Amino acid sequence: MTAKQGQYLAFIFYYTKIHGRAPAESDMLHYFKVSPPSVHQMVLTLESNGFIERVPGQARSIRLLIPRADLPDLE
C-alpha cells in the first residue's frame, strides 16, 4: 500500500471506531481536503487492491479487510 492509501485506511478505521459507522466519501473529502473525484477514485483503488469492501449503492458500507496492526498511524 502507498503512504496515501495507508492514511485513507487509517482514517476509515478511526472514523468507524469513533462514530460506530463507516465514513461517507464526503467525510474523507473534508478531512483530506481533496476533490470528490479524488476520494471516489481512492475508494475504488482501495477496493480493487483488496483493502476494503463495500456494498454498491449502500451509503457508509465501507469495511476494512486488513487488521489494525497493518495500518499506519493517522497523521
PDB file of N, CA and C in Angstrom:
ATOM      1  N   MET A   1       0.845  -1.182   0.000  1.00  0.00           N
ATOM      2  CA  MET A   1       0.000   0.000   0.000  1.00  0.00           C
ATOM      3  C   MET A   1       0.886   1.240   0.000  1.00  0.00           C
ATOM      4  N   THR A   2       0.404   2.276  -0.645  1.00  0.00           N
ATOM      5  CA  THR A   2       1.151   3.533  -0.654  1.00  0.00           C
ATOM      6  C   THR A   2       0.894   4.286   0.652  1.00  0.00           C
ATOM      7  N   ALA A   3       1.690   5.309   0.905  1.00  0.00           N
ATOM      8  CA  ALA A   3       1.502   6.112   2.122  1.00  0.00           C
ATOM      9  C   ALA A   3       0.121   6.768   2.121  1.00  0.00           C
ATOM     10  N   LYS A   4      -0.304   7.268   0.982  1.00  0.00           N
ATOM     11  CA  LYS A   4      -1.616   7.927   0.896  1.00  0.00           C
ATOM     12  C   LYS A   4      -2.743   6.923   1.137  1.00  0.00           C
ATOM     13  N   GLN A   5      -2.614   5.743   0.551  1.00  0.00           N
ATOM     14  CA  GLN A   5      -3.619   4.704   0.785  1.00  0.00           C
ATOM     15  C   GLN A   5      -3.683   4.347   2.265  1.00  0.00           C
ATOM     16  N   GLY A   6      -2.525   4.256   2.893  1.00  0.00           N
ATOM     17  CA  GLY A   6      -2.472   3.956   4.321  1.00  0.00           C
ATOM     18  C   GLY A   6      -3.189   4.994   5.152  1.00  0.00           C
ATOM     19  N   GLN A   7      -3.066   6.262   4.769  1.00  0.00           N
ATOM     20  CA  GLN A   7      -3.752   7.325   5.509  1.00  0.00           C
ATOM     21  C   GLN A   7      -5.271   7.214   5.355  1.00  0.00           C
ATOM     22  N   TYR A   8      -5.726   6.899   4.167  1.00  0.00           N
ATOM     23  CA  TYR A   8      -7.172   6.708   3.961  1.00  0.00           C
ATOM     24  C   TYR A   8      -7.671   5.517   4.773  1.00  0.00           C
ATOM     25  N   LEU A   9      -6.916   4.428   4.766  1.00  0.00           N
ATOM     26  CA  LEU A   9      -7.322   3.245   5.529  1.00  0.00           C
ATOM     27  C   LEU A   9      -7.340   3.539   7.030  1.00  0.00           C
ATOM     28  N   ALA A  10      -6.337   4.260   7.522  1.00  0.00           N
ATOM     29  CA  ALA A  10      -6.304   4.627   8.941  1.00  0.00           C
ATOM     30  C   ALA A  10      -7.481   5.528   9.277  1.00  0.00           C
ATOM     31  N   PHE A  11      -7.818   6.467   8.379  1.00  0.00           N
ATOM     32  CA  PHE A  11      -8.970   7.340   8.611  1.00  0.00           C
ATOM     33  C   PHE A  11     -10.254   6.523   8.704  1.00  0.00           C
ATOM     34  N   ILE A  12     -10.420   5.571   7.776  1.00  0.00           N
ATOM     35  CA  ILE A  12     -11.614   4.712   7.801  1.00  0.00           C
ATOM     36  C   ILE A  12     -11.684   3.951   9.124  1.00  0.00           C
ATOM     37  N   PHE A  13     -10.553   3.420   9.568  1.00  0.00           N
ATOM     38  CA  PHE A  13     -10.521   2.676  10.832  1.00  0.00           C
ATOM     39  C   PHE A  13     -10.944   3.551  12.003  1.00  0.00           C
ATOM     40  N   TYR A  14     -10.300   4.706  12.152  1.00  0.00           N
ATOM     41  CA  TYR A  14     -10.584   5.564  13.303  1.00  0.00           C
ATOM     42  C   TYR A  14     -11.971   6.191  13.234  1.00  0.00           C
ATOM     43  N   TYR A  15     -12.409   6.588  12.059  1.00  0.00           N
ATOM     44  CA  TYR A  15     -13.744   7.165  11.919  1.00  0.00           C
ATOM     45  C   TYR A  15     -14.793   6.140  12.350  1.00  0.00           C
ATOM     46  N   THR A  16     -14.638   4.909  11.881  1.00  0.00           N
ATOM     47  CA  THR A  16     -15.585   3.846  12.221  1.00  0.00           C
ATOM     48  C   THR A  16     -15.563   3.564  13.723  1.00  0.00           C
ATOM     49  N   LYS A  17     -14.370   3.564  14.310  1.00  0.00           N
ATOM     50  CA  LYS A  17     -14.247   3.301  15.745  1.00  0.00           C
ATOM     51  C   LYS A  17     -14.919   4.410  16.569  1.00  0.00           C
ATOM     52  N   ILE A  18     -14.728   5.645  16.174  1.00  0.00           N
ATOM     53  CA  ILE A  18     -15.279   6.782  16.926  1.00  0.00           C
ATOM     54  C   ILE A  18     -16.787   6.933  16.723  1.00  0.00           C
ATOM     55  N   HIS A  19     -17.237   6.812  15.482  1.00  0.00           N
ATOM     56  CA  HIS A  19     -18.639   7.107  15.154  1.00  0.00           C
ATOM     57  C   HIS A  19     -19.545   5.872  15.091  1.00  0.00           C
ATOM     58  N   GLY A  20     -18.957   4.689  15.121  1.00  0.00           N
ATOM     59  CA  GLY A  20     -19.774   3.478  15.076  1.00  0.00           C
ATOM     60  C   GLY A  20     -20.345   3.169  13.705  1.00  0.00           C
ATOM     61  N   ARG A  21     -19.869   3.853  12.684  1.00  0.00           N
ATOM     62  CA  ARG A  21     -20.302   3.608  11.313  1.00  0.00           C
ATOM     63  C   ARG A  21     -19.180   4.053  10.384  1.00  0.00           C
ATOM     64  N   ALA A  22     -19.191   3.525   9.199  1.00  0.00           N
ATOM     65  CA  ALA A  22     -18.138   3.864   8.232  1.00  0.00           C
ATOM     66  C   ALA A  22     -18.304   5.310   7.752  1.00  0.00           C
ATOM     67  N   PRO A  23     -17.203   5.920   7.334  1.00  0.00           N
ATOM     68  CA  PRO A  23     -17.304   7.279   6.815  1.00  0.00           C
ATOM     69  C   PRO A  23     -17.943   7.308   5.427  1.00  0.00           C
ATOM     70  N   ALA A  24     -18.586   8.412   5.127  1.00  0.00           N
ATOM     71  CA  ALA A  24     -19.060   8.659   3.764  1.00  0.00           C
ATOM     72  C   ALA A  24     -17.897   9.267   2.984  1.00  0.00           C
ATOM     73  N   GLU A  25     -17.987   9.235   1.678  1.00  0.00           N
ATOM     74  CA  GLU A  25     -16.933   9.846   0.878  1.00  0.00           C
ATOM     75  C   GLU A  25     -16.802  11.329   1.208  1.00  0.00           C
ATOM     76  N   SER A  26     -17.918  11.977   1.565  1.00  0.00           N
ATOM     77  CA  SER A  26     -17.855  13.406   1.921  1.00  0.00           C
ATOM     78  C   SER A  26     -17.046  13.632   3.195  1.00  0.00           C
ATOM     79  N   ASP A  27     -17.064  12.677   4.122  1.00  0.00           N
ATOM     80  CA  ASP A  27     -16.250  12.799   5.342  1.00  0.00           C
ATOM     81  C   ASP A  27     -14.762  12.761   4.988  1.00  0.00           C
ATOM     82  N   MET A  28     -14.397  11.874   4.075  1.00  0.00           N
ATOM     83  CA  MET A  28     -12.999  11.793   3.641  1.00  0.00           C
ATOM     84  C   MET A  28     -12.605  13.041   2.859  1.00  0.00           C
ATOM     85  N   LEU A  29     -13.523  13.554   2.066  1.00  0.00           N
ATOM     86  CA  LEU A  29     -13.285  14.761   1.288  1.00  0.00           C
ATOM     87  C   LEU A  29     -12.925  15.926   2.202  1.00  0.00           C
ATOM     88  N   HIS A  30     -13.677  16.101   3.276  1.00  0.00           N
ATOM     89  CA  HIS A  30     -13.415  17.198   4.211  1.00  0.00           C
ATOM     90  C   HIS A  30     -12.120  16.990   4.992  1.00  0.00           C
ATOM     91  N   TYR A  31     -11.837  15.768   5.388  1.00  0.00           N
ATOM     92  CA  TYR A  31     -10.635  15.508   6.178  1.00  0.00           C
ATOM     93  C   TYR A  31      -9.367  15.708   5.347  1.00  0.00           C
ATOM     94  N   PHE A  32      -9.357  15.146   4.144  1.00  0.00           N
ATOM     95  CA  PHE A  32      -8.148  15.191   3.321  1.00  0.00           C
ATOM     96  C   PHE A  32      -8.071  16.425   2.421  1.00  0.00           C
ATOM     97  N   LYS A  33      -9.179  17.202   2.362  1.00  0.00           N
ATOM     98  CA  LYS A  33      -9.219  18.427   1.556  1.00  0.00           C
ATOM     99  C   LYS A  33      -8.832  18.168   0.099  1.00  0.00           C
ATOM    100  N   VAL A  34      -9.527  17.206  -0.491  1.00  0.00           N
ATOM    101  CA  VAL A  34      -9.320  16.871  -1.893  1.00  0.00           C
ATOM    102  C   VAL A  34     -10.668  16.943  -2.619  1.00  0.00           C
ATOM    103  N   SER A  35     -10.657  16.726  -3.915  1.00  0.00           N
ATOM    104  CA  SER A  35     -11.884  16.814  -4.709  1.00  0.00           C
ATOM    105  C   SER A  35     -12.705  15.521  -4.609  1.00  0.00           C
ATOM    106  N   PRO A  36     -14.012  15.619  -4.854  1.00  0.00           N
ATOM    107  CA  PRO A  36     -14.849  14.409  -4.823  1.00  0.00           C
ATOM    108  C   PRO A  36     -14.342  13.302  -5.754  1.00  0.00           C
ATOM    109  N   PRO A  37     -13.907  13.615  -6.993  1.00  0.00           N
ATOM    110  CA  PRO A  37     -13.388  12.523  -7.836  1.00  0.00           C
ATOM    111  C   PRO A  37     -12.137  11.853  -7.248  1.00  0.00           C
ATOM    112  N   SER A  38     -11.304  12.632  -6.554  1.00  0.00           N
ATOM    113  CA  SER A  38     -10.099  12.056  -5.938  1.00  0.00           C
ATOM    114  C   SER A  38     -10.467  11.047  -4.855  1.00  0.00           C
ATOM    115  N   VAL A  39     -11.432  11.402  -4.022  1.00  0.00           N
ATOM    116  CA  VAL A  39     -11.872  10.492  -2.956  1.00  0.00           C
ATOM    117  C   VAL A  39     -12.489   9.240  -3.564  1.00  0.00           C
ATOM    118  N   HIS A  40     -13.354   9.427  -4.541  1.00  0.00           N
ATOM    119  CA  HIS A  40     -14.028   8.276  -5.143  1.00  0.00           C
ATOM    120  C   HIS A  40     -13.013   7.336  -5.801  1.00  0.00           C
ATOM    121  N   GLN A  41     -12.037   7.913  -6.496  1.00  0.00           N
ATOM    122  CA  GLN A  41     -11.011   7.077  -7.137  1.00  0.00           C
ATOM    123  C   GLN A  41     -10.201   6.311  -6.092  1.00  0.00           C
ATOM    124  N   MET A  42      -9.901   6.962  -4.960  1.00  0.00           N
ATOM    125  CA  MET A  42      -9.163   6.272  -3.898  1.00  0.00           C
ATOM    126  C   MET A  42      -9.981   5.115  -3.342  1.00  0.00           C
ATOM    127  N   VAL A  43     -11.277   5.321  -3.134  1.00  0.00           N
ATOM    128  CA  VAL A  43     -12.142   4.242  -2.631  1.00  0.00           C
ATOM    129  C   VAL A  43     -12.138   3.071  -3.617  1.00  0.00           C
ATOM    130  N   LEU A  44     -12.252   3.371  -4.909  1.00  0.00           N
ATOM    131  CA  LEU A  44     -12.226   2.311  -5.915  1.00  0.00           C
ATOM    132  C   LEU A  44     -10.880   1.584  -5.921  1.00  0.00           C
ATOM    133  N   THR A  45      -9.793   2.336  -5.765  1.00  0.00           N
ATOM    134  CA  THR A  45      -8.456   1.739  -5.733  1.00  0.00           C
ATOM    135  C   THR A  45      -8.287   0.840  -4.514  1.00  0.00           C
ATOM    136  N   LEU A  46      -8.713   1.320  -3.348  1.00  0.00           N
ATOM    137  CA  LEU A  46      -8.610   0.521  -2.124  1.00  0.00           C
ATOM    138  C   LEU A  46      -9.417  -0.764  -2.255  1.00  0.00           C
ATOM    139  N   GLU A  47     -10.583  -0.650  -2.878  1.00  0.00           N
ATOM    140  CA  GLU A  47     -11.424  -1.831  -3.066  1.00  0.00           C
ATOM    141  C   GLU A  47     -10.778  -2.811  -4.053  1.00  0.00           C
ATOM    142  N   SER A  48     -10.260  -2.310  -5.154  1.00  0.00           N
ATOM    143  CA  SER A  48      -9.661  -3.204  -6.150  1.00  0.00           C
ATOM    144  C   SER A  48      -8.385  -3.874  -5.629  1.00  0.00           C
ATOM    145  N   ASN A  49      -7.695  -3.217  -4.692  1.00  0.00           N
ATOM    146  CA  ASN A  49      -6.493  -3.804  -4.092  1.00  0.00           C
ATOM    147  C   ASN A  49      -6.807  -4.752  -2.938  1.00  0.00           C
ATOM    148  N   GLY A  50      -8.087  -4.895  -2.597  1.00  0.00           N
ATOM    149  CA  GLY A  50      -8.481  -5.841  -1.558  1.00  0.00           C
ATOM    150  C   GLY A  50      -8.318  -5.333  -0.135  1.00  0.00           C
ATOM    151  N   PHE A  51      -8.178  -4.004   0.042  1.00  0.00           N
ATOM    152  CA  PHE A  51      -8.032  -3.436   1.387  1.00  0.00           C
ATOM    153  C   PHE A  51      -9.378  -3.181   2.058  1.00  0.00           C
ATOM    154  N   ILE A  52     -10.411  -2.925   1.237  1.00  0.00           N
ATOM    155  CA  ILE A  52     -11.754  -2.667   1.765  1.00  0.00           C
ATOM    156  C   ILE A  52     -12.771  -3.414   0.916  1.00  0.00           C
ATOM    157  N   GLU A  53     -13.972  -3.508   1.450  1.00  0.00           N
ATOM    158  CA  GLU A  53     -15.102  -3.958   0.649  1.00  0.00           C
ATOM    159  C   GLU A  53     -16.257  -3.026   0.944  1.00  0.00           C
ATOM    160  N   ARG A  54     -17.176  -2.930   0.015  1.00  0.00           N
ATOM    161  CA  ARG A  54     -18.342  -2.082   0.210  1.00  0.00           C
ATOM    162  C   ARG A  54     -19.503  -2.659  -0.570  1.00  0.00           C
ATOM    163  N   VAL A  55     -20.703  -2.242  -0.205  1.00  0.00           N
ATOM    164  CA  VAL A  55     -21.912  -2.680  -0.891  1.00  0.00           C
ATOM    165  C   VAL A  55     -22.296  -1.567  -1.861  1.00  0.00           C
ATOM    166  N   PRO A  56     -22.210  -1.818  -3.162  1.00  0.00           N
ATOM    167  CA  PRO A  56     -22.558  -0.767  -4.126  1.00  0.00           C
ATOM    168  C   PRO A  56     -23.977  -0.248  -3.909  1.00  0.00           C
ATOM    169  N   GLY A  57     -24.112   1.060  -3.942  1.00  0.00           N
ATOM    170  CA  GLY A  57     -25.422   1.680  -3.777  1.00  0.00           C
ATOM    171  C   GLY A  57     -25.853   1.858  -2.335  1.00  0.00           C
ATOM    172  N   GLN A  58     -25.085   1.338  -1.395  1.00  0.00           N
ATOM    173  CA  GLN A  58     -25.434   1.481   0.024  1.00  0.00           C
ATOM    174  C   GLN A  58     -24.456   2.446   0.680  1.00  0.00           C
ATOM    175  N   ALA A  59     -25.004   3.500   1.269  1.00  0.00           N
ATOM    176  CA  ALA A  59     -24.170   4.515   1.910  1.00  0.00           C
ATOM    177  C   ALA A  59     -23.460   3.946   3.136  1.00  0.00           C
ATOM    178  N   ARG A  60     -22.255   4.450   3.381  1.00  0.00           N
ATOM    179  CA  ARG A  60     -21.472   4.097   4.568  1.00  0.00           C
ATOM    180  C   ARG A  60     -21.288   2.595   4.745  1.00  0.00           C
ATOM    181  N   SER A  61     -21.007   1.911   3.633  1.00  0.00           N
ATOM    182  CA  SER A  61     -20.869   0.447   3.705  1.00  0.00           C
ATOM    183  C   SER A  61     -19.414  -0.011   3.619  1.00  0.00           C
ATOM    184  N   ILE A  62     -18.452   0.919   3.724  1.00  0.00           N
ATOM    185  CA  ILE A  62     -17.043   0.547   3.634  1.00  0.00           C
ATOM    186  C   ILE A  62     -16.638  -0.281   4.853  1.00  0.00           C
ATOM    187  N   ARG A  63     -15.955  -1.390   4.593  1.00  0.00           N
ATOM    188  CA  ARG A  63     -15.467  -2.253   5.674  1.00  0.00           C
ATOM    189  C   ARG A  63     -14.022  -2.615   5.379  1.00  0.00           C
ATOM    190  N   LEU A  64     -13.160  -2.432   6.366  1.00  0.00           N
ATOM    191  CA  LEU A  64     -11.747  -2.779   6.210  1.00  0.00           C
ATOM    192  C   LEU A  64     -11.571  -4.290   6.155  1.00  0.00           C
ATOM    193  N   LEU A  65     -10.656  -4.725   5.313  1.00  0.00           N
ATOM    194  CA  LEU A  65     -10.364  -6.149   5.201  1.00  0.00           C
ATOM    195  C   LEU A  65      -8.969  -6.494   5.709  1.00  0.00           C
ATOM    196  N   ILE A  66      -8.283  -5.511   6.271  1.00  0.00           N
ATOM    197  CA  ILE A  66      -6.946  -5.751   6.817  1.00  0.00           C
ATOM    198  C   ILE A  66      -6.951  -5.416   8.304  1.00  0.00           C
ATOM    199  N   PRO A  67      -6.129  -6.082   9.088  1.00  0.00           N
ATOM    200  CA  PRO A  67      -6.126  -5.835  10.536  1.00  0.00           C
ATOM    201  C   PRO A  67      -5.505  -4.485  10.899  1.00  0.00           C
ATOM    202  N   ARG A  68      -5.878  -3.983  12.053  1.00  0.00           N
ATOM    203  CA  ARG A  68      -5.374  -2.702  12.559  1.00  0.00           C
ATOM    204  C   ARG A  68      -3.849  -2.694  12.620  1.00  0.00           C
ATOM    205  N   ALA A  69      -3.268  -3.803  12.957  1.00  0.00           N
ATOM    206  CA  ALA A  69      -1.808  -3.885  13.096  1.00  0.00           C
ATOM    207  C   ALA A  69      -1.088  -3.572  11.780  1.00  0.00           C
ATOM    208  N   ASP A  70      -1.778  -3.739  10.656  1.00  0.00           N
ATOM    209  CA  ASP A  70      -1.161  -3.476   9.346  1.00  0.00           C
ATOM    210  C   ASP A  70      -1.366  -2.037   8.879  1.00  0.00           C
ATOM    211  N   LEU A  71      -2.062  -1.230   9.674  1.00  0.00           N
ATOM    212  CA  LEU A  71      -2.342   0.160   9.290  1.00  0.00           C
ATOM    213  C   LEU A  71      -1.308   1.114   9.893  1.00  0.00           C
ATOM    214  N   PRO A  72      -0.979   2.173   9.150  1.00  0.00           N
ATOM    215  CA  PRO A  72      -0.102   3.196   9.727  1.00  0.00           C
ATOM    216  C   PRO A  72      -0.899   4.072  10.692  1.00  0.00           C
ATOM    217  N   ASP A  73      -0.207   4.877  11.474  1.00  0.00           N
ATOM    218  CA  ASP A  73      -0.892   5.845  12.312  1.00  0.00           C
ATOM    219  C   ASP A  73      -1.441   6.963  11.446  1.00  0.00           C
ATOM    220  N   LEU A  74      -2.577   7.489  11.833  1.00  0.00           N
ATOM    221  CA  LEU A  74      -3.194   8.587  11.110  1.00  0.00           C
ATOM    222  C   LEU A  74      -2.427   9.871  11.402  1.00  0.00           C
ATOM    223  N   GLU A  75      -2.024  10.572  10.365  1.00  0.00           N
ATOM    224  CA  GLU A  75      -1.263  11.814  10.544  1.00  0.00           C
ATOM    225  C   GLU A  75      -2.164  13.024  10.475  1.00  0.00           C
TER     226      GLU A  75
END
